[in-house]
C-alpha atoms as a PDB file:
ATOM      1  CA  UNK A   1     -46.821 -84.624-116.121  1.00  0.00           C
ATOM      2  CA  UNK A   2     -43.548 -83.213-114.752  1.00  0.00           C
ATOM      3  CA  UNK A   3     -43.706 -79.616-113.554  1.00  0.00           C
ATOM      4  CA  UNK A   4     -40.784 -77.254-112.954  1.00  0.00           C
ATOM      5  CA  UNK A   5     -41.413 -74.011-111.146  1.00  0.00           C
ATOM      6  CA  UNK A   6     -38.968 -71.293-110.163  1.00  0.00           C
ATOM      7  CA  UNK A   7     -39.659 -68.878-107.325  1.00  0.00           C
ATOM      8  CA  UNK A   8     -37.780 -66.200-105.459  1.00  0.00           C
ATOM      9  CA  UNK A   9     -36.300 -67.461-102.214  1.00  0.00           C
ATOM     10  CA  UNK A  10     -37.577 -65.895 -98.986  1.00  0.00           C
ATOM     11  CA  UNK A  11     -36.003 -65.659 -95.534  1.00  0.00           C
ATOM     12  CA  UNK A  12     -37.790 -68.845 -94.479  1.00  0.00           C
ATOM     13  CA  UNK A  13     -35.729 -70.658 -97.144  1.00  0.00           C
ATOM     14  CA  UNK A  14     -32.417 -69.983 -95.364  1.00  0.00           C
ATOM     15  CA  UNK A  15     -32.186 -73.566 -94.038  1.00  0.00           C
ATOM     16  CA  UNK A  16     -32.999 -74.969 -97.481  1.00  0.00           C
ATOM     17  CA  UNK A  17     -30.372 -72.745 -99.099  1.00  0.00           C
ATOM     18  CA  UNK A  18     -27.797 -73.961 -96.596  1.00  0.00           C
ATOM     19  CA  UNK A  19     -28.712 -77.589 -97.420  1.00  0.00           C
ATOM     20  CA  UNK A  20     -28.217 -76.880-101.123  1.00  0.00           C
ATOM     21  CA  UNK A  21     -24.927 -75.044-100.487  1.00  0.00           C
ATOM     22  CA  UNK A  22     -23.662 -77.990 -98.433  1.00  0.00           C
ATOM     23  CA  UNK A  23     -24.710 -80.455-101.136  1.00  0.00           C
ATOM     24  CA  UNK A  24     -22.966 -78.332-103.767  1.00  0.00           C
ATOM     25  CA  UNK A  25     -19.800 -78.259-101.663  1.00  0.00           C
ATOM     26  CA  UNK A  26     -19.909 -82.051-101.388  1.00  0.00           C
ATOM     27  CA  UNK A  27     -20.323 -82.372-105.160  1.00  0.00           C
ATOM     28  CA  UNK A  28     -17.364 -80.037-105.710  1.00  0.00           C
ATOM     29  CA  UNK A  29     -15.238 -81.870-103.089  1.00  0.00           C
ATOM     30  CA  UNK A  30     -15.109 -78.680-100.995  1.00  0.00           C
ATOM     31  CA  UNK A  31     -17.043 -79.762 -97.888  1.00  0.00           C
ATOM     32  CA  UNK A  32     -14.524 -78.167 -95.547  1.00  0.00           C
ATOM     33  CA  UNK A  33     -14.931 -74.769 -97.191  1.00  0.00           C
ATOM     34  CA  UNK A  34     -18.532 -74.101 -96.106  1.00  0.00           C
ATOM     35  CA  UNK A  35     -18.642 -71.462 -93.387  1.00  0.00           C
ATOM     36  CA  UNK A  36     -22.157 -70.236 -94.165  1.00  0.00           C
ATOM     37  CA  UNK A  37     -24.843 -70.553 -91.509  1.00  0.00           C
ATOM     38  CA  UNK A  38     -28.589 -70.349 -91.689  1.00  0.00           C
ATOM     39  CA  UNK A  39     -28.578 -67.100 -89.705  1.00  0.00           C
ATOM     40  CA  UNK A  40     -25.759 -65.689 -91.809  1.00  0.00           C
ATOM     41  CA  UNK A  41     -27.677 -66.405 -95.011  1.00  0.00           C
ATOM     42  CA  UNK A  42     -30.808 -64.886 -93.538  1.00  0.00           C
ATOM     43  CA  UNK A  43     -28.843 -61.733 -92.698  1.00  0.00           C
ATOM     44  CA  UNK A  44     -26.699 -61.312 -95.817  1.00  0.00           C
ATOM     45  CA  UNK A  45     -29.143 -62.480 -98.477  1.00  0.00           C
ATOM     46  CA  UNK A  46     -32.531 -61.417 -97.176  1.00  0.00           C
ATOM     47  CA  UNK A  47     -31.915 -58.555 -94.734  1.00  0.00           C
ATOM     48  CA  UNK A  48     -28.805 -56.919 -96.230  1.00  0.00           C
ATOM     49  CA  UNK A  49     -29.885 -57.916 -99.751  1.00  0.00           C
ATOM     50  CA  UNK A  50     -26.291 -58.764-100.660  1.00  0.00           C
ATOM     51  CA  UNK A  51     -27.488 -61.434-103.069  1.00  0.00           C
ATOM     52  CA  UNK A  52     -30.657 -62.915-104.482  1.00  0.00           C
ATOM     53  CA  UNK A  53     -31.698 -66.536-104.664  1.00  0.00           C
ATOM     54  CA  UNK A  54     -34.135 -68.598-106.651  1.00  0.00           C
ATOM     55  CA  UNK A  55     -35.564 -71.969-105.660  1.00  0.00           C
ATOM     56  CA  UNK A  56     -36.452 -74.562-108.277  1.00  0.00           C
ATOM     57  CA  UNK A  57     -39.220 -77.007-107.492  1.00  0.00           C
ATOM     58  CA  UNK A  58     -39.879 -80.184-109.420  1.00  0.00           C
ATOM     59  CA  UNK A  59     -43.354 -81.641-108.957  1.00  0.00           C
ATOM     60  CA  UNK A  60     -43.636 -79.632-105.743  1.00  0.00           C
ATOM     61  CA  UNK A  61     -40.282 -80.824-104.321  1.00  0.00           C
ATOM     62  CA  UNK A  62     -37.362 -78.456-103.721  1.00  0.00           C
ATOM     63  CA  UNK A  63     -34.938 -79.446-106.479  1.00  0.00           C
ATOM     64  CA  UNK A  64     -32.230 -76.813-106.703  1.00  0.00           C
ATOM     65  CA  UNK A  65     -31.238 -73.193-106.401  1.00  0.00           C
ATOM     66  CA  UNK A  66     -29.427 -70.312-108.010  1.00  0.00           C
ATOM     67  CA  UNK A  67     -27.752 -67.529-106.050  1.00  0.00           C
ATOM     68  CA  UNK A  68     -26.620 -64.352-107.814  1.00  0.00           C
ATOM     69  CA  UNK A  69     -25.760 -60.697-107.313  1.00  0.00           C
ATOM     70  CA  UNK A  70     -25.002 -57.603-109.353  1.00  0.00           C
ATOM     71  CA  UNK A  71     -21.551 -56.632-110.517  1.00  0.00           C
ATOM     72  CA  UNK A  72     -20.562 -53.813-112.841  1.00  0.00           C
ATOM     73  CA  UNK A  73     -18.796 -53.602-116.192  1.00  0.00           C
ATOM     74  CA  UNK A  74     -16.932 -50.348-116.709  1.00  0.00           C
ATOM     75  CA  UNK A  75     -16.395 -51.219-120.375  1.00  0.00           C
ATOM     76  CA  UNK A  76     -20.116 -51.736-120.962  1.00  0.00           C
ATOM     77  CA  UNK A  77     -21.142 -49.017-118.538  1.00  0.00           C
ATOM     78  CA  UNK A  78     -23.819 -51.340-117.184  1.00  0.00           C
ATOM     79  CA  UNK A  79     -24.557 -53.616-114.305  1.00  0.00           C
ATOM     80  CA  UNK A  80     -24.200 -57.323-114.835  1.00  0.00           C
ATOM     81  CA  UNK A  81     -25.214 -60.384-112.904  1.00  0.00           C
ATOM     82  CA  UNK A  82     -22.721 -62.777-111.409  1.00  0.00           C
ATOM     83  CA  UNK A  83     -24.136 -66.247-110.833  1.00  0.00           C
ATOM     84  CA  UNK A  84     -22.379 -67.484-107.706  1.00  0.00           C
ATOM     85  CA  UNK A  85     -24.039 -70.894-107.513  1.00  0.00           C
ATOM     86  CA  UNK A  86     -26.361 -73.049-109.582  1.00  0.00           C
ATOM     87  CA  UNK A  87     -27.200 -76.460-108.151  1.00  0.00           C
ATOM     88  CA  UNK A  88     -29.706 -79.215-108.863  1.00  0.00           C
ATOM     89  CA  UNK A  89     -30.039 -82.328-106.716  1.00  0.00           C
ATOM     90  CA  UNK A  90     -28.123 -85.143-108.450  1.00  0.00           C
ATOM     91  CA  UNK A  91     -31.162 -87.430-108.645  1.00  0.00           C
ATOM     92  CA  UNK A  92     -33.145 -84.715-110.468  1.00  0.00           C
ATOM     93  CA  UNK A  93     -30.544 -83.687-113.042  1.00  0.00           C
ATOM     94  CA  UNK A  94     -31.269 -84.063-116.740  1.00  0.00           C
ATOM     95  CA  UNK A  95     -34.884 -82.903-116.397  1.00  0.00           C
ATOM     96  CA  UNK A  96     -34.387 -79.277-117.446  1.00  0.00           C
ATOM     97  CA  UNK A  97     -34.265 -77.840-113.919  1.00  0.00           C
ATOM     98  CA  UNK A  98     -30.799 -76.310-114.253  1.00  0.00           C
ATOM     99  CA  UNK A  99     -31.715 -74.817-117.611  1.00  0.00           C
ATOM    100  CA  UNK A 100     -34.910 -73.348-116.139  1.00  0.00           C
ATOM    101  CA  UNK A 101     -32.913 -71.745-113.313  1.00  0.00           C
ATOM    102  CA  UNK A 102     -30.349 -70.329-115.715  1.00  0.00           C
ATOM    103  CA  UNK A 103     -33.093 -69.053-118.037  1.00  0.00           C
ATOM    104  CA  UNK A 104     -34.740 -67.276-115.094  1.00  0.00           C
ATOM    105  CA  UNK A 105     -31.475 -65.598-114.061  1.00  0.00           C
ATOM    106  CA  UNK A 106     -30.835 -64.579-117.690  1.00  0.00           C
ATOM    107  CA  UNK A 107     -34.379 -63.197-117.905  1.00  0.00           C
ATOM    108  CA  UNK A 108     -33.802 -61.154-114.743  1.00  0.00           C
ATOM    109  CA  UNK A 109     -30.561 -59.809-116.225  1.00  0.00           C
ATOM    110  CA  UNK A 110     -32.300 -58.876-119.478  1.00  0.00           C
ATOM    111  CA  UNK A 111     -35.259 -57.197-117.723  1.00  0.00           C
ATOM    112  CA  UNK A 112     -32.854 -55.163-115.567  1.00  0.00           C
ATOM    113  CA  UNK A 113     -30.873 -54.007-118.603  1.00  0.00           C
ATOM    114  CA  UNK A 114     -27.717 -55.824-117.574  1.00  0.00           C
ATOM    115  CA  UNK A 115     -24.822 -56.040-119.997  1.00  0.00           C
ATOM    116  CA  UNK A 116     -23.883 -59.629-119.196  1.00  0.00           C
ATOM    117  CA  UNK A 117     -24.318 -62.727-117.077  1.00  0.00           C
ATOM    118  CA  UNK A 118     -21.171 -64.443-115.825  1.00  0.00           C
ATOM    119  CA  UNK A 119     -20.176 -67.408-113.683  1.00  0.00           C
ATOM    120  CA  UNK A 120     -17.269 -69.754-113.114  1.00  0.00           C
ATOM    121  CA  UNK A 121     -17.106 -73.514-113.340  1.00  0.00           C
ATOM    122  CA  UNK A 122     -14.510 -75.915-112.005  1.00  0.00           C
ATOM    123  CA  UNK A 123     -12.416 -77.198-114.906  1.00  0.00           C
ATOM    124  CA  UNK A 124     -13.030 -80.859-114.014  1.00  0.00           C
ATOM    125  CA  UNK A 125     -16.835 -80.467-114.000  1.00  0.00           C
ATOM    126  CA  UNK A 126     -17.365 -81.796-117.515  1.00  0.00           C
ATOM    127  CA  UNK A 127     -21.152 -82.354-117.188  1.00  0.00           C
ATOM    128  CA  UNK A 128     -21.669 -78.696-116.293  1.00  0.00           C
ATOM    129  CA  UNK A 129     -19.230 -77.510-118.961  1.00  0.00           C
ATOM    130  CA  UNK A 130     -21.128 -79.521-121.577  1.00  0.00           C
ATOM    131  CA  UNK A 131     -24.423 -78.062-120.360  1.00  0.00           C
ATOM    132  CA  UNK A 132     -23.104 -74.485-120.454  1.00  0.00           C
ATOM    133  CA  UNK A 133     -21.687 -74.965-123.949  1.00  0.00           C
ATOM    134  CA  UNK A 134     -25.009 -76.472-125.111  1.00  0.00           C
ATOM    135  CA  UNK A 135     -26.793 -73.206-124.296  1.00  0.00           C
ATOM    136  CA  UNK A 136     -24.188 -71.085-126.069  1.00  0.00           C
ATOM    137  CA  UNK A 137     -21.988 -70.009-123.142  1.00  0.00           C
ATOM    138  CA  UNK A 138     -18.291 -69.726-123.912  1.00  0.00           C
ATOM    139  CA  UNK A 139     -15.351 -69.993-121.515  1.00  0.00           C
ATOM    140  CA  UNK A 140     -13.077 -66.969-121.119  1.00  0.00           C
ATOM    141  CA  UNK A 141      -9.687 -68.560-121.583  1.00  0.00           C
ATOM    142  CA  UNK A 142      -7.788 -65.284-121.523  1.00  0.00           C
ATOM    143  CA  UNK A 143      -8.738 -64.286-117.945  1.00  0.00           C
ATOM    144  CA  UNK A 144      -7.457 -65.676-114.656  1.00  0.00           C
ATOM    145  CA  UNK A 145      -9.468 -65.354-111.461  1.00  0.00           C
ATOM    146  CA  UNK A 146      -7.609 -64.083-108.396  1.00  0.00           C
ATOM    147  CA  UNK A 147      -8.811 -64.143-104.809  1.00  0.00           C
ATOM    148  CA  UNK A 148      -7.837 -62.720-101.432  1.00  0.00           C
ATOM    149  CA  UNK A 149      -9.527 -64.187 -98.353  1.00  0.00           C
ATOM    150  CA  UNK A 150      -9.479 -64.205 -94.589  1.00  0.00           C
ATOM    151  CA  UNK A 151      -6.893 -62.186 -92.689  1.00  0.00           C
ATOM    152  CA  UNK A 152      -5.279 -61.044 -95.929  1.00  0.00           C
ATOM    153  CA  UNK A 153      -8.319 -58.864 -96.614  1.00  0.00           C
ATOM    154  CA  UNK A 154      -7.219 -56.496 -93.851  1.00  0.00           C
ATOM    155  CA  UNK A 155      -3.996 -55.597 -95.589  1.00  0.00           C
ATOM    156  CA  UNK A 156      -2.013 -56.247 -98.692  1.00  0.00           C
ATOM    157  CA  UNK A 157       1.725 -56.569 -98.113  1.00  0.00           C
END
């Protein structure tokens, strides 16, 4: 019988998280974007507690992860959860692992009294879009994401 289990990641999982992040970057054709390191993840996720991570295991094998952190909605007057990454190994997809991870994050949000759970998805990622729609998630077509990175963070001209 197939068994899916979800557990909180611990500092000793930093190398595993980095493997999953690298695999996700490859899937998204963004390999050159990964700057994360094992030590950096250990520091920012587990010591600084800047984010939280879950590890999915399938029949005892590490199968995927979710990484998330709190944000805040001024309109709702409540914290929310932003799901930064959700990834399942390609060979293990279609077995309910991604749904189990997302359910766990949603459960955490509900238990903490959060007003919402949000994430982004690349517009070409039709398998993920179909999955998200199948669980009732809707895209926000009236919002555009903006980003400032690198040296531009020091000043805005």
